[in-house]
Amino acid sequence: MVFCQGKCLILEVDGQHHAEAGQAIRDYASDRVLLRSGVPTVCFTAQDYFKRPQTVVSELLSILMPNVLVTA
């Protein structure tokens, strides 16, 4: 969970196990539960997270603070 200026979202980093049978169904179900509670999920691949962490952070902040210019 990430909190910023009164907003909250889930940062999900998807590794290889997300390609396993049934995992997408479980992920979608948990995303809907969280969204009903007002907490959206933002997903990145593990490759994005480890190879381009600044880009992940910049994009995440741009979602949390859309009126603030954030650069990687």
Foldseek 3Di string as FASTA:
>chain_A
DDDDPHAAEAEAEDEPCCVDPPNVVVVVVVQVVCVVVVYHYDYDYNCCCVVPVQVVVQVVVCVVPVVDHGDD
